[in-house]
Each structure stands twice: as structure tokens, then as C-alpha cells.
Amino acid sequence: MNFINAATKKERTHVEEIIKSQPVMPHEGITATEIGICGKQNLFMDVYRPDNDAEKHPIIIDIHGGGLIAGRKEQNQNLATWLAKEGYLTFVPDYRLVPETNIFGQITDVINAFATVAERAEDFVGDLNQVFVVADSAGAFLACMASSILRYPVKMQPVEDELEENVPEAAKKLVINAMGLQSGMYYIYKGQVGLLQNYYMSKGWKNHSYAEFIKPETYSKLIPPCYICTGKKDFLKKQTFGFKKCLENERVHHDYGFVSKRETVHAFAALYPETESAVGVNREMIRFFDESAAASL
């Protein structure tokens, strides 16, 4: 078994163990539905809708993590439930994984998910004037790429040129007010995760025109306002520290949460939203979203 297959098997088994061990969060007051992602035959997303339809609901698109090689939407079902209970119409899409595709196929999938939200949100009483993205681990990288392409298509053209298909018109019209990035995997070519960089892209990727644009030093300038968080036991916390410096250097509007408790393992805010630490940073994230929405009025 080669390196990528061994890593994939290990990480995907780990994800399934997490899903099986998660407590089931009650769904009272929420309706969960699965819908297809436009342009994709075998990709779906879950929609968690608050049952109160008295007014339109602000929207969250949640992008799961998994090191780009693992993960599925079900691992964030409790976070989506929690967010829906807070009043957000929450969409949780799947995307293809490495090595079945590469990061450009994954970014294509995320952008198609954004297009689906733009097309279907009103069917679920969603407010397209209040759209936010939440993403953990590798999902944070994909969210940054997708949102940067939508906000600055000319600057991000080298990455867009690598996508499998053109950006849908519906996605181009989607305005993301702010993002919440949890235990982000921002540097996909460094450290432990960097061991798979050639599978994420290709050998010799550093010589391609897109190379500069997948670096946080570049794309941190192009993303919406964001709330970032990590914790003491997060094995990627140094990546968040580095990304925070990028945001500070570029004077990007952001806020930051760090929790020093032992329960704060990697992606704790997404995978274990029932814990006290997760509730704390997730409420801070929502506060940041509220402030960002108010500032955009």
C-alpha cells in the first residue's frame, strides 16, 4: 500500500470513528433535508432549516474538514443542528476527496455548492443578504479559495484557470458577509499535512502560476472578514497563529478566539459543538457575524 492510500485509509477510518462516537443532538424545531448540488450527479448537501418561518433566516454554509483526503458532511451534523437552533438556515455540502480528485476539483465542488445555495436558499426561507461561511480544518482552506475567487476573480485567475469548469453565474452573485474558520489548515504544503502536497496538486506545483495564490500570505488579502479560532490541544494551532499574523499584516478585519482547555482538540468547535469550549467560540463567531451583517447595511 503506497503512502497516499495508507494516509487516506487511516484518516477516513478516523472520521468514521468520530461520527459514531458523537452524541446525537436533538432536532426539535429543525427540519433536515438532503438536496443535490447543481452540476454534480453524486454530490449532495444537507439543509438544516429552523421551523419558524415568520421571517427569512440568515444563511450559513458549513464546509467540513478532513485533511482534504477524508471527511463527509455527516461529521458536522451536530454543529449544523446547533447553528439552526440559533436561527441560521444551514447548508452542509459534501465535496470529492483527494486522491479521487485534487484541490482544484474540491474548490470546484465548493463553488458549485455556493451556487446551489444561491439558487435554492429562498425555497428554504433563506436571506441571501446575510450569507456566512463556517469551515474547519481543510475546509477552511477550501472556503478561503472559493470565496477569494468569487470576490476577486481577476486576481485569482491563476487558480480559477485550474478549476474543472467555469464558475456558475449563480455563485458569482453570492455575497459572503463573513467567515468563521475553525482550526484551519491554511498551509497545505507545510508540516505534517505538507507530506501529501504533491497529491493535493501535482509534482512541480511550485512552478505553476497558481502557486503564489494558495499561500496564506496572498489569499489572506482577498477573503471576507473572518473569525478564527483554535485551542490548546489542536495539533494545527500553529497554522492558526501564522494565519492570524497574515491577517494582521494585511489589516484584514478579523477576530480571534483561543481556548486553553484540554478538550480543545483539533476542530473541536465543529466536531464537538456540545462542549463548553465549543459553545463559547461558536457564540463569539455568531457575534462576529451579527456585527459584520450590521456593518454591511
C-alpha atoms as a PDB file:
ATOM      1  CA  MET A   1       0.000   0.000   0.000  1.00  0.00           C
ATOM      2  CA  ASN A   2       1.521   3.343  -1.030  1.00  0.00           C
ATOM      3  CA  PHE A   3       1.768   6.454   1.116  1.00  0.00           C
ATOM      4  CA  ILE A   4      -1.383   8.249  -0.064  1.00  0.00           C
ATOM      5  CA  ASN A   5      -3.547   5.133   0.215  1.00  0.00           C
ATOM      6  CA  ALA A   6      -2.275   4.432   3.736  1.00  0.00           C
ATOM      7  CA  ALA A   7      -2.888   8.031   4.850  1.00  0.00           C
ATOM      8  CA  THR A   8      -6.335   8.062   3.250  1.00  0.00           C
ATOM      9  CA  LYS A   9      -7.407   4.797   4.881  1.00  0.00           C
ATOM     10  CA  LYS A  10      -6.212   5.941   8.304  1.00  0.00           C
ATOM     11  CA  GLU A  11      -7.880   9.371   8.132  1.00  0.00           C
ATOM     12  CA  ARG A  12     -11.171   8.100   6.720  1.00  0.00           C
ATOM     13  CA  THR A  13     -11.355   5.428   9.412  1.00  0.00           C
ATOM     14  CA  HIS A  14     -10.726   8.168  11.997  1.00  0.00           C
ATOM     15  CA  VAL A  15     -13.602  10.250  10.609  1.00  0.00           C
ATOM     16  CA  GLU A  16     -15.999   7.310  10.826  1.00  0.00           C
ATOM     17  CA  GLU A  17     -14.959   6.734  14.440  1.00  0.00           C
ATOM     18  CA  ILE A  18     -15.694  10.381  15.225  1.00  0.00           C
ATOM     19  CA  ILE A  19     -19.142  10.180  13.642  1.00  0.00           C
ATOM     20  CA  LYS A  20     -20.007   7.001  15.539  1.00  0.00           C
ATOM     21  CA  SER A  21     -18.860   8.477  18.859  1.00  0.00           C
ATOM     22  CA  GLN A  22     -20.710  11.791  18.566  1.00  0.00           C
ATOM     23  CA  PRO A  23     -23.755  12.246  20.809  1.00  0.00           C
ATOM     24  CA  VAL A  24     -26.963  12.774  18.833  1.00  0.00           C
ATOM     25  CA  MET A  25     -28.133  16.348  19.272  1.00  0.00           C
ATOM     26  CA  PRO A  26     -31.952  16.709  19.472  1.00  0.00           C
ATOM     27  CA  HIS A  27     -33.595  18.053  16.307  1.00  0.00           C
ATOM     28  CA  GLU A  28     -36.681  19.635  17.861  1.00  0.00           C
ATOM     29  CA  GLY A  29     -37.630  22.793  15.980  1.00  0.00           C
ATOM     30  CA  ILE A  30     -35.462  21.887  12.970  1.00  0.00           C
ATOM     31  CA  THR A  31     -36.208  20.173   9.665  1.00  0.00           C
ATOM     32  CA  ALA A  32     -33.276  18.419   7.972  1.00  0.00           C
ATOM     33  CA  THR A  33     -33.360  17.761   4.220  1.00  0.00           C
ATOM     34  CA  GLU A  34     -30.843  16.443   1.699  1.00  0.00           C
ATOM     35  CA  ILE A  35     -30.601  18.101  -1.724  1.00  0.00           C
ATOM     36  CA  GLY A  36     -28.361  17.669  -4.748  1.00  0.00           C
ATOM     37  CA  ILE A  37     -25.532  20.041  -5.617  1.00  0.00           C
ATOM     38  CA  CYS A  38     -26.043  21.649  -9.003  1.00  0.00           C
ATOM     39  CA  GLY A  39     -23.885  20.277 -11.770  1.00  0.00           C
ATOM     40  CA  LYS A  40     -22.880  17.234  -9.710  1.00  0.00           C
ATOM     41  CA  GLN A  41     -24.525  13.816 -10.076  1.00  0.00           C
ATOM     42  CA  ASN A  42     -23.153  12.224  -6.913  1.00  0.00           C
ATOM     43  CA  LEU A  43     -22.701  15.150  -4.519  1.00  0.00           C
ATOM     44  CA  PHE A  44     -25.292  16.291  -2.015  1.00  0.00           C
ATOM     45  CA  MET A  45     -25.730  18.718   0.830  1.00  0.00           C
ATOM     46  CA  ASP A  46     -27.810  18.651   3.981  1.00  0.00           C
ATOM     47  CA  VAL A  47     -30.064  21.582   4.775  1.00  0.00           C
ATOM     48  CA  TYR A  48     -30.997  22.334   8.392  1.00  0.00           C
ATOM     49  CA  ARG A  49     -33.942  24.735   8.483  1.00  0.00           C
ATOM     50  CA  PRO A  50     -35.416  26.338  11.599  1.00  0.00           C
ATOM     51  CA  ASP A  51     -39.127  25.544  11.628  1.00  0.00           C
ATOM     52  CA  ASN A  52     -40.064  29.150  12.417  1.00  0.00           C
ATOM     53  CA  ASP A  53     -40.838  30.731   9.038  1.00  0.00           C
ATOM     54  CA  ALA A  54     -42.074  34.045  10.416  1.00  0.00           C
ATOM     55  CA  GLU A  55     -39.156  35.790   8.677  1.00  0.00           C
ATOM     56  CA  LYS A  56     -36.205  34.944   6.463  1.00  0.00           C
ATOM     57  CA  HIS A  57     -33.292  33.201   8.108  1.00  0.00           C
ATOM     58  CA  PRO A  58     -29.639  34.261   7.793  1.00  0.00           C
ATOM     59  CA  ILE A  59     -27.626  31.610   5.976  1.00  0.00           C
ATOM     60  CA  ILE A  60     -24.549  29.605   6.948  1.00  0.00           C
ATOM     61  CA  ILE A  61     -22.674  27.335   4.551  1.00  0.00           C
ATOM     62  CA  ASP A  62     -20.564  24.893   6.565  1.00  0.00           C
ATOM     63  CA  ILE A  63     -17.547  23.256   4.875  1.00  0.00           C
ATOM     64  CA  HIS A  64     -16.295  20.172   6.720  1.00  0.00           C
ATOM     65  CA  GLY A  65     -12.671  19.242   7.236  1.00  0.00           C
ATOM     66  CA  GLY A  66     -10.688  16.048   6.930  1.00  0.00           C
ATOM     67  CA  GLY A  67      -7.233  16.946   5.681  1.00  0.00           C
ATOM     68  CA  LEU A  68      -8.504  17.093   2.076  1.00  0.00           C
ATOM     69  CA  ILE A  69      -8.301  13.272   1.992  1.00  0.00           C
ATOM     70  CA  ALA A  70     -11.217  12.412   4.291  1.00  0.00           C
ATOM     71  CA  GLY A  71     -14.415  13.765   5.797  1.00  0.00           C
ATOM     72  CA  ARG A  72     -18.093  13.896   4.943  1.00  0.00           C
ATOM     73  CA  LYS A  73     -20.971  16.197   5.760  1.00  0.00           C
ATOM     74  CA  GLU A  74     -22.367  13.934   8.480  1.00  0.00           C
ATOM     75  CA  GLN A  75     -19.420  14.668  10.790  1.00  0.00           C
ATOM     76  CA  ASN A  76     -20.726  18.239  11.218  1.00  0.00           C
ATOM     77  CA  GLN A  77     -24.377  17.329  11.717  1.00  0.00           C
ATOM     78  CA  ASN A  78     -24.349  18.419  15.364  1.00  0.00           C
ATOM     79  CA  LEU A  79     -22.780  21.771  14.534  1.00  0.00           C
ATOM     80  CA  ALA A  80     -25.378  22.301  11.796  1.00  0.00           C
ATOM     81  CA  THR A  81     -28.135  21.422  14.255  1.00  0.00           C
ATOM     82  CA  TRP A  82     -26.732  23.856  16.807  1.00  0.00           C
ATOM     83  CA  LEU A  83     -26.480  26.637  14.224  1.00  0.00           C
ATOM     84  CA  ALA A  84     -30.036  26.004  13.043  1.00  0.00           C
ATOM     85  CA  LYS A  85     -31.231  26.216  16.639  1.00  0.00           C
ATOM     86  CA  GLU A  86     -29.541  29.614  16.737  1.00  0.00           C
ATOM     87  CA  GLY A  87     -31.749  30.676  13.839  1.00  0.00           C
ATOM     88  CA  TYR A  88     -29.478  30.050  10.835  1.00  0.00           C
ATOM     89  CA  LEU A  89     -30.529  28.216   7.690  1.00  0.00           C
ATOM     90  CA  THR A  90     -27.530  25.915   7.487  1.00  0.00           C
ATOM     91  CA  PHE A  91     -26.219  24.136   4.397  1.00  0.00           C
ATOM     92  CA  VAL A  92     -23.586  21.397   4.771  1.00  0.00           C
ATOM     93  CA  PRO A  93     -22.212  20.171   1.416  1.00  0.00           C
ATOM     94  CA  ASP A  94     -20.019  17.251   0.554  1.00  0.00           C
ATOM     95  CA  TYR A  95     -17.090  17.558  -1.836  1.00  0.00           C
ATOM     96  CA  ARG A  96     -14.859  14.992  -3.510  1.00  0.00           C
ATOM     97  CA  LEU A  97     -11.684  13.931  -1.745  1.00  0.00           C
ATOM     98  CA  VAL A  98      -8.011  13.542  -2.622  1.00  0.00           C
ATOM     99  CA  PRO A  99      -6.748  11.352  -4.307  1.00  0.00           C
ATOM    100  CA  GLU A 100     -10.037  10.863  -6.215  1.00  0.00           C
ATOM    101  CA  THR A 101      -9.582  14.496  -7.254  1.00  0.00           C
ATOM    102  CA  ASN A 102      -7.201  17.335  -6.342  1.00  0.00           C
ATOM    103  CA  ILE A 103      -7.722  20.686  -4.616  1.00  0.00           C
ATOM    104  CA  PHE A 104      -8.991  22.248  -7.833  1.00  0.00           C
ATOM    105  CA  GLY A 105     -11.729  19.658  -8.138  1.00  0.00           C
ATOM    106  CA  GLN A 106     -12.566  20.306  -4.477  1.00  0.00           C
ATOM    107  CA  ILE A 107     -12.693  24.076  -4.969  1.00  0.00           C
ATOM    108  CA  THR A 108     -14.936  23.475  -7.989  1.00  0.00           C
ATOM    109  CA  ASP A 109     -17.269  21.404  -5.792  1.00  0.00           C
ATOM    110  CA  VAL A 110     -17.391  24.066  -3.070  1.00  0.00           C
ATOM    111  CA  ILE A 111     -18.173  26.794  -5.612  1.00  0.00           C
ATOM    112  CA  ASN A 112     -20.940  24.623  -7.062  1.00  0.00           C
ATOM    113  CA  ALA A 113     -22.297  24.238  -3.535  1.00  0.00           C
ATOM    114  CA  PHE A 114     -22.281  28.041  -3.203  1.00  0.00           C
ATOM    115  CA  ALA A 115     -24.204  28.262  -6.487  1.00  0.00           C
ATOM    116  CA  THR A 116     -26.763  25.754  -5.191  1.00  0.00           C
ATOM    117  CA  VAL A 117     -27.285  27.837  -2.062  1.00  0.00           C
ATOM    118  CA  ALA A 118     -27.811  30.929  -4.202  1.00  0.00           C
ATOM    119  CA  GLU A 119     -30.391  29.073  -6.298  1.00  0.00           C
ATOM    120  CA  ARG A 120     -32.221  27.218  -3.519  1.00  0.00           C
ATOM    121  CA  ALA A 121     -31.990  29.424  -0.416  1.00  0.00           C
ATOM    122  CA  GLU A 122     -35.340  31.110  -0.956  1.00  0.00           C
ATOM    123  CA  ASP A 123     -37.024  27.676  -1.145  1.00  0.00           C
ATOM    124  CA  PHE A 124     -35.995  27.264   2.494  1.00  0.00           C
ATOM    125  CA  VAL A 125     -36.802  30.847   3.560  1.00  0.00           C
ATOM    126  CA  GLY A 126     -33.163  31.953   3.498  1.00  0.00           C
ATOM    127  CA  ASP A 127     -31.985  35.559   3.408  1.00  0.00           C
ATOM    128  CA  LEU A 128     -29.394  35.958   0.642  1.00  0.00           C
ATOM    129  CA  ASN A 129     -28.470  39.350   2.074  1.00  0.00           C
ATOM    130  CA  GLN A 130     -26.982  37.582   5.098  1.00  0.00           C
ATOM    131  CA  VAL A 131     -24.672  34.775   3.990  1.00  0.00           C
ATOM    132  CA  PHE A 132     -21.828  33.424   6.104  1.00  0.00           C
ATOM    133  CA  VAL A 133     -19.377  30.552   5.702  1.00  0.00           C
ATOM    134  CA  VAL A 134     -18.161  28.331   8.541  1.00  0.00           C
ATOM    135  CA  ALA A 135     -15.303  25.929   7.801  1.00  0.00           C
ATOM    136  CA  ASP A 136     -12.985  23.737   9.825  1.00  0.00           C
ATOM    137  CA  SER A 137      -9.557  22.231   9.170  1.00  0.00           C
ATOM    138  CA  ALA A 138      -9.030  21.621   5.422  1.00  0.00           C
ATOM    139  CA  GLY A 139     -12.467  23.103   4.807  1.00  0.00           C
ATOM    140  CA  ALA A 140     -11.051  26.463   5.880  1.00  0.00           C
ATOM    141  CA  PHE A 141      -8.527  26.372   3.036  1.00  0.00           C
ATOM    142  CA  LEU A 142     -11.219  25.447   0.509  1.00  0.00           C
ATOM    143  CA  ALA A 143     -13.536  28.166   1.824  1.00  0.00           C
ATOM    144  CA  CYS A 144     -10.767  30.762   1.502  1.00  0.00           C
ATOM    145  CA  MET A 145     -10.037  29.675  -2.070  1.00  0.00           C
ATOM    146  CA  ALA A 146     -13.673  29.638  -3.169  1.00  0.00           C
ATOM    147  CA  SER A 147     -14.564  32.955  -1.526  1.00  0.00           C
ATOM    148  CA  SER A 148     -11.441  34.654  -2.923  1.00  0.00           C
ATOM    149  CA  ILE A 149     -12.298  33.517  -6.452  1.00  0.00           C
ATOM    150  CA  LEU A 150     -15.822  34.936  -6.102  1.00  0.00           C
ATOM    151  CA  ARG A 151     -14.621  38.233  -4.628  1.00  0.00           C
ATOM    152  CA  TYR A 152     -11.556  38.821  -6.792  1.00  0.00           C
ATOM    153  CA  PRO A 153     -11.824  36.695  -9.949  1.00  0.00           C
ATOM    154  CA  VAL A 154      -9.199  38.701 -11.844  1.00  0.00           C
ATOM    155  CA  LYS A 155      -6.571  38.383  -9.108  1.00  0.00           C
ATOM    156  CA  MET A 156      -7.419  34.707  -8.561  1.00  0.00           C
ATOM    157  CA  GLN A 157      -7.422  33.860 -12.282  1.00  0.00           C
ATOM    158  CA  PRO A 158      -4.409  31.503 -11.985  1.00  0.00           C
ATOM    159  CA  VAL A 159      -6.405  29.338  -9.568  1.00  0.00           C
ATOM    160  CA  GLU A 160      -9.671  29.704 -11.478  1.00  0.00           C
ATOM    161  CA  ASP A 161      -7.880  28.516 -14.631  1.00  0.00           C
ATOM    162  CA  GLU A 162      -7.230  25.185 -12.880  1.00  0.00           C
ATOM    163  CA  LEU A 163     -10.890  24.554 -11.998  1.00  0.00           C
ATOM    164  CA  GLU A 164     -12.724  21.767 -13.757  1.00  0.00           C
ATOM    165  CA  GLU A 165     -15.444  24.076 -15.082  1.00  0.00           C
ATOM    166  CA  ASN A 166     -16.421  27.711 -15.243  1.00  0.00           C
ATOM    167  CA  VAL A 167     -17.753  29.426 -12.129  1.00  0.00           C
ATOM    168  CA  PRO A 168     -21.587  29.316 -12.273  1.00  0.00           C
ATOM    169  CA  GLU A 169     -23.354  32.641 -12.670  1.00  0.00           C
ATOM    170  CA  ALA A 170     -25.381  31.962  -9.524  1.00  0.00           C
ATOM    171  CA  ALA A 171     -22.200  31.662  -7.464  1.00  0.00           C
ATOM    172  CA  LYS A 172     -20.866  34.943  -8.841  1.00  0.00           C
ATOM    173  CA  LYS A 173     -23.915  36.709  -7.409  1.00  0.00           C
ATOM    174  CA  LEU A 174     -23.468  35.268  -3.916  1.00  0.00           C
ATOM    175  CA  VAL A 175     -22.094  37.793  -1.427  1.00  0.00           C
ATOM    176  CA  ILE A 176     -20.392  36.273   1.622  1.00  0.00           C
ATOM    177  CA  ASN A 177     -20.580  38.720   4.515  1.00  0.00           C
ATOM    178  CA  ALA A 178     -18.082  36.967   6.790  1.00  0.00           C
ATOM    179  CA  MET A 179     -16.484  33.611   7.569  1.00  0.00           C
ATOM    180  CA  GLY A 180     -15.772  31.560  10.667  1.00  0.00           C
ATOM    181  CA  LEU A 181     -12.600  29.480  10.274  1.00  0.00           C
ATOM    182  CA  GLN A 182     -12.058  26.828  12.921  1.00  0.00           C
ATOM    183  CA  SER A 183      -8.724  25.022  13.449  1.00  0.00           C
ATOM    184  CA  GLY A 184      -7.876  25.934   9.883  1.00  0.00           C
ATOM    185  CA  MET A 185      -5.446  24.016   7.702  1.00  0.00           C
ATOM    186  CA  TYR A 186      -4.186  27.106   5.889  1.00  0.00           C
ATOM    187  CA  TYR A 187      -0.697  25.942   4.865  1.00  0.00           C
ATOM    188  CA  ILE A 188      -1.389  22.776   2.859  1.00  0.00           C
ATOM    189  CA  TYR A 189       2.257  22.465   1.857  1.00  0.00           C
ATOM    190  CA  LYS A 190       3.909  22.732   5.287  1.00  0.00           C
ATOM    191  CA  GLY A 191       4.460  20.492   8.278  1.00  0.00           C
ATOM    192  CA  GLN A 192       2.755  17.127   8.681  1.00  0.00           C
ATOM    193  CA  VAL A 193      -0.009  17.902   6.177  1.00  0.00           C
ATOM    194  CA  GLY A 194       2.621  19.030   3.659  1.00  0.00           C
ATOM    195  CA  LEU A 195       3.742  15.422   3.222  1.00  0.00           C
ATOM    196  CA  LEU A 196       0.824  14.998   0.807  1.00  0.00           C
ATOM    197  CA  GLN A 197       1.282  18.249  -1.112  1.00  0.00           C
ATOM    198  CA  ASN A 198       2.078  16.538  -4.413  1.00  0.00           C
ATOM    199  CA  TYR A 199      -1.181  14.594  -4.164  1.00  0.00           C
ATOM    200  CA  TYR A 200      -3.118  17.759  -3.344  1.00  0.00           C
ATOM    201  CA  MET A 201      -1.791  19.421  -6.504  1.00  0.00           C
ATOM    202  CA  SER A 202       0.897  17.708  -8.586  1.00  0.00           C
ATOM    203  CA  LYS A 203       4.649  17.288  -8.659  1.00  0.00           C
ATOM    204  CA  GLY A 204       6.316  20.546  -9.576  1.00  0.00           C
ATOM    205  CA  TRP A 205       3.333  22.575  -8.409  1.00  0.00           C
ATOM    206  CA  LYS A 206       5.599  25.307  -7.044  1.00  0.00           C
ATOM    207  CA  ASN A 207       6.491  26.237 -10.615  1.00  0.00           C
ATOM    208  CA  HIS A 208       2.863  26.797 -11.640  1.00  0.00           C
ATOM    209  CA  SER A 209       1.280  30.244 -11.863  1.00  0.00           C
ATOM    210  CA  TYR A 210      -1.242  29.344  -9.145  1.00  0.00           C
ATOM    211  CA  ALA A 211       1.440  28.519  -6.556  1.00  0.00           C
ATOM    212  CA  GLU A 212       1.566  32.016  -5.048  1.00  0.00           C
ATOM    213  CA  PHE A 213      -2.223  32.157  -4.683  1.00  0.00           C
ATOM    214  CA  ILE A 214      -2.609  29.085  -2.489  1.00  0.00           C
ATOM    215  CA  LYS A 215      -0.352  30.670   0.120  1.00  0.00           C
ATOM    216  CA  PRO A 216      -1.998  32.438   3.094  1.00  0.00           C
ATOM    217  CA  GLU A 217       0.312  35.419   2.620  1.00  0.00           C
ATOM    218  CA  THR A 218      -1.554  36.051  -0.651  1.00  0.00           C
ATOM    219  CA  TYR A 219      -5.122  34.838  -0.184  1.00  0.00           C
ATOM    220  CA  SER A 220      -5.471  36.376   3.287  1.00  0.00           C
ATOM    221  CA  LYS A 221      -5.745  39.720   1.463  1.00  0.00           C
ATOM    222  CA  LEU A 222      -8.739  38.561  -0.555  1.00  0.00           C
ATOM    223  CA  ILE A 223     -11.117  36.854   1.868  1.00  0.00           C
ATOM    224  CA  PRO A 224     -14.136  38.385   3.639  1.00  0.00           C
ATOM    225  CA  PRO A 225     -13.914  39.456   7.298  1.00  0.00           C
ATOM    226  CA  CYS A 226     -13.341  36.383   9.411  1.00  0.00           C
ATOM    227  CA  TYR A 227     -13.442  34.967  12.916  1.00  0.00           C
ATOM    228  CA  ILE A 228     -10.681  32.415  13.504  1.00  0.00           C
ATOM    229  CA  CYS A 229     -10.261  30.060  16.447  1.00  0.00           C
ATOM    230  CA  THR A 230      -8.117  27.252  17.756  1.00  0.00           C
ATOM    231  CA  GLY A 231      -7.332  25.562  21.064  1.00  0.00           C
ATOM    232  CA  LYS A 232      -4.560  24.257  23.272  1.00  0.00           C
ATOM    233  CA  LYS A 233      -4.791  20.635  22.044  1.00  0.00           C
ATOM    234  CA  ASP A 234      -5.261  21.474  18.361  1.00  0.00           C
ATOM    235  CA  PHE A 235      -2.304  19.906  16.527  1.00  0.00           C
ATOM    236  CA  LEU A 236      -2.637  22.610  13.833  1.00  0.00           C
ATOM    237  CA  LYS A 237      -2.818  25.568  16.204  1.00  0.00           C
ATOM    238  CA  LYS A 238       0.464  26.970  14.868  1.00  0.00           C
ATOM    239  CA  GLN A 239      -1.192  27.251  11.457  1.00  0.00           C
ATOM    240  CA  THR A 240      -3.856  29.475  13.004  1.00  0.00           C
ATOM    241  CA  PHE A 241      -1.169  31.560  14.702  1.00  0.00           C
ATOM    242  CA  GLY A 242       0.565  32.047  11.348  1.00  0.00           C
ATOM    243  CA  PHE A 243      -2.680  32.903   9.578  1.00  0.00           C
ATOM    244  CA  LYS A 244      -3.528  35.411  12.287  1.00  0.00           C
ATOM    245  CA  LYS A 245      -0.244  37.215  11.571  1.00  0.00           C
ATOM    246  CA  CYS A 246      -1.124  37.323   7.863  1.00  0.00           C
ATOM    247  CA  LEU A 247      -4.486  38.913   8.644  1.00  0.00           C
ATOM    248  CA  GLU A 248      -2.829  41.425  10.953  1.00  0.00           C
ATOM    249  CA  ASN A 249      -0.162  42.298   8.398  1.00  0.00           C
ATOM    250  CA  GLU A 250      -2.773  42.861   5.704  1.00  0.00           C
ATOM    251  CA  ARG A 251      -5.130  44.671   8.100  1.00  0.00           C
ATOM    252  CA  VAL A 252      -7.986  42.331   7.247  1.00  0.00           C
ATOM    253  CA  HIS A 253     -10.921  42.743   9.598  1.00  0.00           C
ATOM    254  CA  HIS A 254     -10.960  39.713  11.879  1.00  0.00           C
ATOM    255  CA  ASP A 255     -11.417  38.456  15.404  1.00  0.00           C
ATOM    256  CA  TYR A 256      -9.660  35.618  17.180  1.00  0.00           C
ATOM    257  CA  GLY A 257     -10.537  33.019  19.772  1.00  0.00           C
ATOM    258  CA  PHE A 258      -8.178  30.713  21.647  1.00  0.00           C
ATOM    259  CA  VAL A 259      -9.290  28.217  24.303  1.00  0.00           C
ATOM    260  CA  SER A 260      -6.679  26.775  26.656  1.00  0.00           C
ATOM    261  CA  LYS A 261      -8.733  23.833  27.978  1.00  0.00           C
ATOM    262  CA  ARG A 262      -7.683  20.228  27.369  1.00  0.00           C
ATOM    263  CA  GLU A 263     -10.915  19.398  25.495  1.00  0.00           C
ATOM    264  CA  THR A 264      -9.912  21.663  22.630  1.00  0.00           C
ATOM    265  CA  VAL A 265      -8.681  19.009  20.214  1.00  0.00           C
ATOM    266  CA  HIS A 266      -8.410  19.702  16.509  1.00  0.00           C
ATOM    267  CA  ALA A 267     -11.665  21.091  15.048  1.00  0.00           C
ATOM    268  CA  PHE A 268     -13.364  20.879  18.458  1.00  0.00           C
ATOM    269  CA  ALA A 269     -15.740  23.730  17.640  1.00  0.00           C
ATOM    270  CA  ALA A 270     -17.114  21.825  14.632  1.00  0.00           C
ATOM    271  CA  LEU A 271     -16.939  18.212  15.794  1.00  0.00           C
ATOM    272  CA  TYR A 272     -17.958  18.669  19.437  1.00  0.00           C
ATOM    273  CA  PRO A 273     -20.291  21.714  19.494  1.00  0.00           C
ATOM    274  CA  GLU A 274     -21.999  20.469  22.650  1.00  0.00           C
ATOM    275  CA  THR A 275     -18.898  21.127  24.787  1.00  0.00           C
ATOM    276  CA  GLU A 276     -18.485  24.304  26.820  1.00  0.00           C
ATOM    277  CA  SER A 277     -15.394  25.386  24.875  1.00  0.00           C
ATOM    278  CA  ALA A 278     -17.110  24.941  21.527  1.00  0.00           C
ATOM    279  CA  VAL A 279     -20.226  26.806  22.608  1.00  0.00           C
ATOM    280  CA  GLY A 280     -18.033  29.690  23.737  1.00  0.00           C
ATOM    281  CA  VAL A 281     -16.171  30.174  20.455  1.00  0.00           C
ATOM    282  CA  ASN A 282     -19.241  29.451  18.329  1.00  0.00           C
ATOM    283  CA  ARG A 283     -21.187  32.161  20.139  1.00  0.00           C
ATOM    284  CA  GLU A 284     -18.278  34.550  19.600  1.00  0.00           C
ATOM    285  CA  MET A 285     -18.338  33.619  15.925  1.00  0.00           C
ATOM    286  CA  ILE A 286     -22.059  34.368  15.682  1.00  0.00           C
ATOM    287  CA  ARG A 287     -21.494  37.694  17.415  1.00  0.00           C
ATOM    288  CA  PHE A 288     -18.879  38.489  14.773  1.00  0.00           C
ATOM    289  CA  PHE A 289     -21.359  37.533  12.040  1.00  0.00           C
ATOM    290  CA  ASP A 290     -24.020  39.807  13.520  1.00  0.00           C
ATOM    291  CA  GLU A 291     -21.585  42.721  13.649  1.00  0.00           C
ATOM    292  CA  SER A 292     -20.443  42.079  10.072  1.00  0.00           C
ATOM    293  CA  ALA A 293     -24.021  41.972   8.805  1.00  0.00           C
ATOM    294  CA  ALA A 294     -24.857  45.211  10.603  1.00  0.00           C
ATOM    295  CA  ALA A 295     -21.772  46.908   9.143  1.00  0.00           C
ATOM    296  CA  SER A 296     -22.807  45.935   5.614  1.00  0.00           C
ATOM    297  CA  LEU A 297     -26.217  47.620   5.877  1.00  0.00           C
END
